Amino acid sequence: MSKTPFEIRMELLNFAQGQLTGDYYSSMERIRDTTAEQSVERKAAVSALKYPTAEDVVNLANTLKNFLDSK
């Protein structure tokens, strides 16, 4: 059974969101593992992290779609 274009776009969006949020939480965990609690370095690193926005997700999904379309 083939998928509709809507289903394919939805899968791309879900994949992109999973990748970006996974990267965010991996970075957060790495900061926690490598810096001392309540340290200035940890606070600076955590404040520099940016949770992915809807725009970030759509941009990554478009990049993935363009890659798939080019093959």
PDB file of N, CA and C in Angstrom:
ATOM      1  N   MET A   1       0.845  -1.177   0.000  1.00  0.00           N
ATOM      2  CA  MET A   1       0.000   0.000   0.000  1.00  0.00           C
ATOM      3  C   MET A   1       0.891   1.241   0.000  1.00  0.00           C
ATOM      4  N   SER A   2       0.646   2.119  -0.936  1.00  0.00           N
ATOM      5  CA  SER A   2       1.461   3.332  -1.009  1.00  0.00           C
ATOM      6  C   SER A   2       0.887   4.409  -0.096  1.00  0.00           C
ATOM      7  N   LYS A   3       1.741   5.325   0.250  1.00  0.00           N
ATOM      8  CA  LYS A   3       1.346   6.408   1.156  1.00  0.00           C
ATOM      9  C   LYS A   3       0.952   7.633   0.354  1.00  0.00           C
ATOM     10  N   THR A   4       0.050   8.392   0.916  1.00  0.00           N
ATOM     11  CA  THR A   4      -0.363   9.642   0.278  1.00  0.00           C
ATOM     12  C   THR A   4       0.716  10.698   0.520  1.00  0.00           C
ATOM     13  N   PRO A   5       0.739  11.741  -0.303  1.00  0.00           N
ATOM     14  CA  PRO A   5       1.704  12.818  -0.061  1.00  0.00           C
ATOM     15  C   PRO A   5       1.570  13.422   1.340  1.00  0.00           C
ATOM     16  N   PHE A   6       0.345  13.507   1.849  1.00  0.00           N
ATOM     17  CA  PHE A   6       0.146  14.023   3.209  1.00  0.00           C
ATOM     18  C   PHE A   6       0.843  13.136   4.229  1.00  0.00           C
ATOM     19  N   GLU A   7       0.697  11.829   4.094  1.00  0.00           N
ATOM     20  CA  GLU A   7       1.325  10.895   5.041  1.00  0.00           C
ATOM     21  C   GLU A   7       2.846  10.983   4.973  1.00  0.00           C
ATOM     22  N   ILE A   8       3.370  11.144   3.781  1.00  0.00           N
ATOM     23  CA  ILE A   8       4.827  11.266   3.622  1.00  0.00           C
ATOM     24  C   ILE A   8       5.325  12.554   4.275  1.00  0.00           C
ATOM     25  N   ARG A   9       4.617  13.655   4.052  1.00  0.00           N
ATOM     26  CA  ARG A   9       5.019  14.926   4.677  1.00  0.00           C
ATOM     27  C   ARG A   9       4.946  14.834   6.197  1.00  0.00           C
ATOM     28  N   MET A  10       3.892  14.171   6.699  1.00  0.00           N
ATOM     29  CA  MET A  10       3.745  14.021   8.142  1.00  0.00           C
ATOM     30  C   MET A  10       4.897  13.184   8.715  1.00  0.00           C
ATOM     31  N   GLU A  11       5.287  12.131   8.028  1.00  0.00           N
ATOM     32  CA  GLU A  11       6.425  11.330   8.478  1.00  0.00           C
ATOM     33  C   GLU A  11       7.710  12.138   8.481  1.00  0.00           C
ATOM     34  N   LEU A  12       7.904  12.955   7.458  1.00  0.00           N
ATOM     35  CA  LEU A  12       9.095  13.816   7.415  1.00  0.00           C
ATOM     36  C   LEU A  12       9.097  14.805   8.570  1.00  0.00           C
ATOM     37  N   LEU A  13       7.952  15.397   8.853  1.00  0.00           N
ATOM     38  CA  LEU A  13       7.865  16.334   9.980  1.00  0.00           C
ATOM     39  C   LEU A  13       8.148  15.622  11.305  1.00  0.00           C
ATOM     40  N   ASN A  14       7.566  14.451  11.497  1.00  0.00           N
ATOM     41  CA  ASN A  14       7.793  13.702  12.732  1.00  0.00           C
ATOM     42  C   ASN A  14       9.257  13.292  12.868  1.00  0.00           C
ATOM     43  N   PHE A  15       9.859  12.860  11.764  1.00  0.00           N
ATOM     44  CA  PHE A  15      11.276  12.475  11.793  1.00  0.00           C
ATOM     45  C   PHE A  15      12.141  13.687  12.133  1.00  0.00           C
ATOM     46  N   ALA A  16      11.872  14.813  11.478  1.00  0.00           N
ATOM     47  CA  ALA A  16      12.658  16.030  11.721  1.00  0.00           C
ATOM     48  C   ALA A  16      12.524  16.477  13.170  1.00  0.00           C
ATOM     49  N   GLN A  17      11.295  16.443  13.693  1.00  0.00           N
ATOM     50  CA  GLN A  17      11.093  16.839  15.088  1.00  0.00           C
ATOM     51  C   GLN A  17      11.842  15.898  16.029  1.00  0.00           C
ATOM     52  N   GLY A  18      11.790  14.613  15.760  1.00  0.00           N
ATOM     53  CA  GLY A  18      12.504  13.646  16.594  1.00  0.00           C
ATOM     54  C   GLY A  18      14.005  13.862  16.578  1.00  0.00           C
ATOM     55  N   GLN A  19      14.539  14.147  15.409  1.00  0.00           N
ATOM     56  CA  GLN A  19      15.977  14.399  15.297  1.00  0.00           C
ATOM     57  C   GLN A  19      16.385  15.637  16.085  1.00  0.00           C
ATOM     58  N   LEU A  20      15.642  16.712  15.898  1.00  0.00           N
ATOM     59  CA  LEU A  20      16.007  17.971  16.553  1.00  0.00           C
ATOM     60  C   LEU A  20      15.827  17.910  18.066  1.00  0.00           C
ATOM     61  N   THR A  21      14.735  17.334  18.525  1.00  0.00           N
ATOM     62  CA  THR A  21      14.551  17.241  19.973  1.00  0.00           C
ATOM     63  C   THR A  21      15.535  16.255  20.574  1.00  0.00           C
ATOM     64  N   GLY A  22      15.847  15.194  19.845  1.00  0.00           N
ATOM     65  CA  GLY A  22      16.860  14.249  20.320  1.00  0.00           C
ATOM     66  C   GLY A  22      18.220  14.915  20.465  1.00  0.00           C
ATOM     67  N   ASP A  23      18.573  15.736  19.484  1.00  0.00           N
ATOM     68  CA  ASP A  23      19.837  16.484  19.557  1.00  0.00           C
ATOM     69  C   ASP A  23      19.843  17.427  20.756  1.00  0.00           C
ATOM     70  N   TYR A  24      18.723  18.086  20.987  1.00  0.00           N
ATOM     71  CA  TYR A  24      18.611  19.014  22.118  1.00  0.00           C
ATOM     72  C   TYR A  24      18.833  18.281  23.444  1.00  0.00           C
ATOM     73  N   TYR A  25      18.110  17.179  23.627  1.00  0.00           N
ATOM     74  CA  TYR A  25      18.225  16.450  24.890  1.00  0.00           C
ATOM     75  C   TYR A  25      19.585  15.769  25.052  1.00  0.00           C
ATOM     76  N   SER A  26      20.194  15.354  23.948  1.00  0.00           N
ATOM     77  CA  SER A  26      21.552  14.800  24.018  1.00  0.00           C
ATOM     78  C   SER A  26      22.546  15.868  24.464  1.00  0.00           C
ATOM     79  N   SER A  27      22.383  17.056  23.928  1.00  0.00           N
ATOM     80  CA  SER A  27      23.256  18.165  24.327  1.00  0.00           C
ATOM     81  C   SER A  27      23.067  18.501  25.800  1.00  0.00           C
ATOM     82  N   MET A  28      21.814  18.510  26.238  1.00  0.00           N
ATOM     83  CA  MET A  28      21.526  18.793  27.645  1.00  0.00           C
ATOM     84  C   MET A  28      22.176  17.736  28.548  1.00  0.00           C
ATOM     85  N   GLU A  29      22.074  16.493  28.166  1.00  0.00           N
ATOM     86  CA  GLU A  29      22.665  15.404  28.960  1.00  0.00           C
ATOM     87  C   GLU A  29      24.194  15.513  28.972  1.00  0.00           C
ATOM     88  N   ARG A  30      24.781  15.851  27.833  1.00  0.00           N
ATOM     89  CA  ARG A  30      26.242  16.005  27.761  1.00  0.00           C
ATOM     90  C   ARG A  30      26.704  17.137  28.675  1.00  0.00           C
ATOM     91  N   ILE A  31      25.943  18.222  28.712  1.00  0.00           N
ATOM     92  CA  ILE A  31      26.277  19.337  29.606  1.00  0.00           C
ATOM     93  C   ILE A  31      26.217  18.882  31.059  1.00  0.00           C
ATOM     94  N   ARG A  32      25.175  18.146  31.404  1.00  0.00           N
ATOM     95  CA  ARG A  32      25.032  17.661  32.779  1.00  0.00           C
ATOM     96  C   ARG A  32      26.165  16.714  33.160  1.00  0.00           C
ATOM     97  N   ASP A  33      26.622  15.912  32.197  1.00  0.00           N
ATOM     98  CA  ASP A  33      27.678  14.942  32.475  1.00  0.00           C
ATOM     99  C   ASP A  33      29.062  15.568  32.559  1.00  0.00           C
ATOM    100  N   THR A  34      29.258  16.709  31.916  1.00  0.00           N
ATOM    101  CA  THR A  34      30.612  17.256  31.811  1.00  0.00           C
ATOM    102  C   THR A  34      30.844  18.536  32.597  1.00  0.00           C
ATOM    103  N   THR A  35      29.804  19.046  33.249  1.00  0.00           N
ATOM    104  CA  THR A  35      29.991  20.267  34.026  1.00  0.00           C
ATOM    105  C   THR A  35      29.476  20.065  35.447  1.00  0.00           C
ATOM    106  N   ALA A  36      30.029  20.832  36.349  1.00  0.00           N
ATOM    107  CA  ALA A  36      29.624  20.733  37.756  1.00  0.00           C
ATOM    108  C   ALA A  36      28.275  21.415  37.962  1.00  0.00           C
ATOM    109  N   GLU A  37      27.495  20.814  38.845  1.00  0.00           N
ATOM    110  CA  GLU A  37      26.183  21.380  39.156  1.00  0.00           C
ATOM    111  C   GLU A  37      26.350  22.788  39.714  1.00  0.00           C
ATOM    112  N   GLN A  38      25.493  23.689  39.305  1.00  0.00           N
ATOM    113  CA  GLN A  38      25.485  25.096  39.731  1.00  0.00           C
ATOM    114  C   GLN A  38      26.716  25.873  39.267  1.00  0.00           C
ATOM    115  N   SER A  39      27.497  25.320  38.344  1.00  0.00           N
ATOM    116  CA  SER A  39      28.675  26.055  37.868  1.00  0.00           C
ATOM    117  C   SER A  39      28.271  27.088  36.821  1.00  0.00           C
ATOM    118  N   VAL A  40      29.117  28.062  36.652  1.00  0.00           N
ATOM    119  CA  VAL A  40      28.886  29.108  35.664  1.00  0.00           C
ATOM    120  C   VAL A  40      28.900  28.503  34.261  1.00  0.00           C
ATOM    121  N   GLU A  41      29.797  27.549  34.048  1.00  0.00           N
ATOM    122  CA  GLU A  41      29.897  26.910  32.734  1.00  0.00           C
ATOM    123  C   GLU A  41      28.594  26.187  32.378  1.00  0.00           C
ATOM    124  N   ARG A  42      28.032  25.473  33.354  1.00  0.00           N
ATOM    125  CA  ARG A  42      26.785  24.749  33.086  1.00  0.00           C
ATOM    126  C   ARG A  42      25.657  25.725  32.781  1.00  0.00           C
ATOM    127  N   LYS A  43      25.554  26.764  33.589  1.00  0.00           N
ATOM    128  CA  LYS A  43      24.487  27.740  33.371  1.00  0.00           C
ATOM    129  C   LYS A  43      24.615  28.399  32.001  1.00  0.00           C
ATOM    130  N   ALA A  44      25.837  28.728  31.611  1.00  0.00           N
ATOM    131  CA  ALA A  44      26.050  29.351  30.301  1.00  0.00           C
ATOM    132  C   ALA A  44      25.721  28.383  29.172  1.00  0.00           C
ATOM    133  N   ALA A  45      26.147  27.137  29.314  1.00  0.00           N
ATOM    134  CA  ALA A  45      25.893  26.144  28.273  1.00  0.00           C
ATOM    135  C   ALA A  45      24.403  25.850  28.134  1.00  0.00           C
ATOM    136  N   VAL A  46      23.715  25.719  29.255  1.00  0.00           N
ATOM    137  CA  VAL A  46      22.276  25.440  29.216  1.00  0.00           C
ATOM    138  C   VAL A  46      21.521  26.630  28.622  1.00  0.00           C
ATOM    139  N   SER A  47      21.909  27.832  28.991  1.00  0.00           N
ATOM    140  CA  SER A  47      21.205  29.001  28.459  1.00  0.00           C
ATOM    141  C   SER A  47      21.477  29.185  26.967  1.00  0.00           C
ATOM    142  N   ALA A  48      22.579  28.646  26.468  1.00  0.00           N
ATOM    143  CA  ALA A  48      22.890  28.758  25.040  1.00  0.00           C
ATOM    144  C   ALA A  48      22.093  27.757  24.204  1.00  0.00           C
ATOM    145  N   LEU A  49      21.598  26.701  24.845  1.00  0.00           N
ATOM    146  CA  LEU A  49      20.803  25.713  24.110  1.00  0.00           C
ATOM    147  C   LEU A  49      19.470  26.324  23.705  1.00  0.00           C
ATOM    148  N   LYS A  50      19.005  25.941  22.543  1.00  0.00           N
ATOM    149  CA  LYS A  50      17.721  26.444  22.049  1.00  0.00           C
ATOM    150  C   LYS A  50      16.857  25.241  21.672  1.00  0.00           C
ATOM    151  N   TYR A  51      15.695  25.135  22.313  1.00  0.00           N
ATOM    152  CA  TYR A  51      14.769  24.063  21.959  1.00  0.00           C
ATOM    153  C   TYR A  51      14.265  24.324  20.542  1.00  0.00           C
ATOM    154  N   PRO A  52      14.176  23.282  19.723  1.00  0.00           N
ATOM    155  CA  PRO A  52      13.781  23.497  18.333  1.00  0.00           C
ATOM    156  C   PRO A  52      12.369  24.084  18.194  1.00  0.00           C
ATOM    157  N   THR A  53      12.256  25.046  17.331  1.00  0.00           N
ATOM    158  CA  THR A  53      10.966  25.680  17.061  1.00  0.00           C
ATOM    159  C   THR A  53      10.277  24.953  15.908  1.00  0.00           C
ATOM    160  N   ALA A  54       9.023  25.298  15.690  1.00  0.00           N
ATOM    161  CA  ALA A  54       8.283  24.733  14.554  1.00  0.00           C
ATOM    162  C   ALA A  54       8.999  25.079  13.244  1.00  0.00           C
ATOM    163  N   GLU A  55       9.545  26.275  13.183  1.00  0.00           N
ATOM    164  CA  GLU A  55      10.278  26.688  11.975  1.00  0.00           C
ATOM    165  C   GLU A  55      11.509  25.811  11.753  1.00  0.00           C
ATOM    166  N   ASP A  56      12.223  25.481  12.825  1.00  0.00           N
ATOM    167  CA  ASP A  56      13.383  24.594  12.714  1.00  0.00           C
ATOM    168  C   ASP A  56      12.964  23.229  12.168  1.00  0.00           C
ATOM    169  N   VAL A  57      11.847  22.716  12.678  1.00  0.00           N
ATOM    170  CA  VAL A  57      11.352  21.405  12.251  1.00  0.00           C
ATOM    171  C   VAL A  57      10.979  21.440  10.771  1.00  0.00           C
ATOM    172  N   VAL A  58      10.257  22.462  10.360  1.00  0.00           N
ATOM    173  CA  VAL A  58       9.841  22.573   8.958  1.00  0.00           C
ATOM    174  C   VAL A  58      11.061  22.726   8.047  1.00  0.00           C
ATOM    175  N   ASN A  59      12.040  23.508   8.463  1.00  0.00           N
ATOM    176  CA  ASN A  59      13.250  23.681   7.648  1.00  0.00           C
ATOM    177  C   ASN A  59      13.990  22.357   7.465  1.00  0.00           C
ATOM    178  N   LEU A  60      14.131  21.590   8.532  1.00  0.00           N
ATOM    179  CA  LEU A  60      14.800  20.297   8.403  1.00  0.00           C
ATOM    180  C   LEU A  60      13.982  19.348   7.540  1.00  0.00           C
ATOM    181  N   ALA A  61      12.671  19.337   7.718  1.00  0.00           N
ATOM    182  CA  ALA A  61      11.813  18.478   6.895  1.00  0.00           C
ATOM    183  C   ALA A  61      11.938  18.852   5.418  1.00  0.00           C
ATOM    184  N   ASN A  62      11.990  20.134   5.120  1.00  0.00           N
ATOM    185  CA  ASN A  62      12.172  20.567   3.725  1.00  0.00           C
ATOM    186  C   ASN A  62      13.527  20.140   3.183  1.00  0.00           C
ATOM    187  N   THR A  63      14.564  20.240   3.992  1.00  0.00           N
ATOM    188  CA  THR A  63      15.890  19.798   3.581  1.00  0.00           C
ATOM    189  C   THR A  63      15.872  18.308   3.274  1.00  0.00           C
ATOM    190  N   LEU A  64      15.239  17.532   4.133  1.00  0.00           N
ATOM    191  CA  LEU A  64      15.144  16.088   3.904  1.00  0.00           C
ATOM    192  C   LEU A  64      14.339  15.779   2.645  1.00  0.00           C
ATOM    193  N   LYS A  65      13.238  16.492   2.450  1.00  0.00           N
ATOM    194  CA  LYS A  65      12.407  16.276   1.262  1.00  0.00           C
ATOM    195  C   LYS A  65      13.187  16.606  -0.002  1.00  0.00           C
ATOM    196  N   ASN A  66      13.922  17.713   0.011  1.00  0.00           N
ATOM    197  CA  ASN A  66      14.721  18.073  -1.149  1.00  0.00           C
ATOM    198  C   ASN A  66      15.780  17.023  -1.447  1.00  0.00           C
ATOM    199  N   PHE A  67      16.385  16.478  -0.414  1.00  0.00           N
ATOM    200  CA  PHE A  67      17.371  15.419  -0.593  1.00  0.00           C
ATOM    201  C   PHE A  67      16.718  14.191  -1.234  1.00  0.00           C
ATOM    202  N   LEU A  68      15.564  13.807  -0.719  1.00  0.00           N
ATOM    203  CA  LEU A  68      14.883  12.633  -1.267  1.00  0.00           C
ATOM    204  C   LEU A  68      14.432  12.858  -2.713  1.00  0.00           C
ATOM    205  N   ASP A  69      13.988  14.056  -3.004  1.00  0.00           N
ATOM    206  CA  ASP A  69      13.544  14.370  -4.367  1.00  0.00           C
ATOM    207  C   ASP A  69      14.690  14.394  -5.367  1.00  0.00           C
ATOM    208  N   SER A  70      15.907  14.650  -4.898  1.00  0.00           N
ATOM    209  CA  SER A  70      17.057  14.770  -5.799  1.00  0.00           C
ATOM    210  C   SER A  70      17.621  13.420  -6.236  1.00  0.00           C
ATOM    211  N   LYS A  71      17.194  12.351  -5.629  1.00  0.00           N
ATOM    212  CA  LYS A  71      17.748  11.028  -5.961  1.00  0.00           C
ATOM    213  C   LYS A  71      16.909  10.310  -6.976  1.00  0.00           C
TER     214      LYS A  71
END
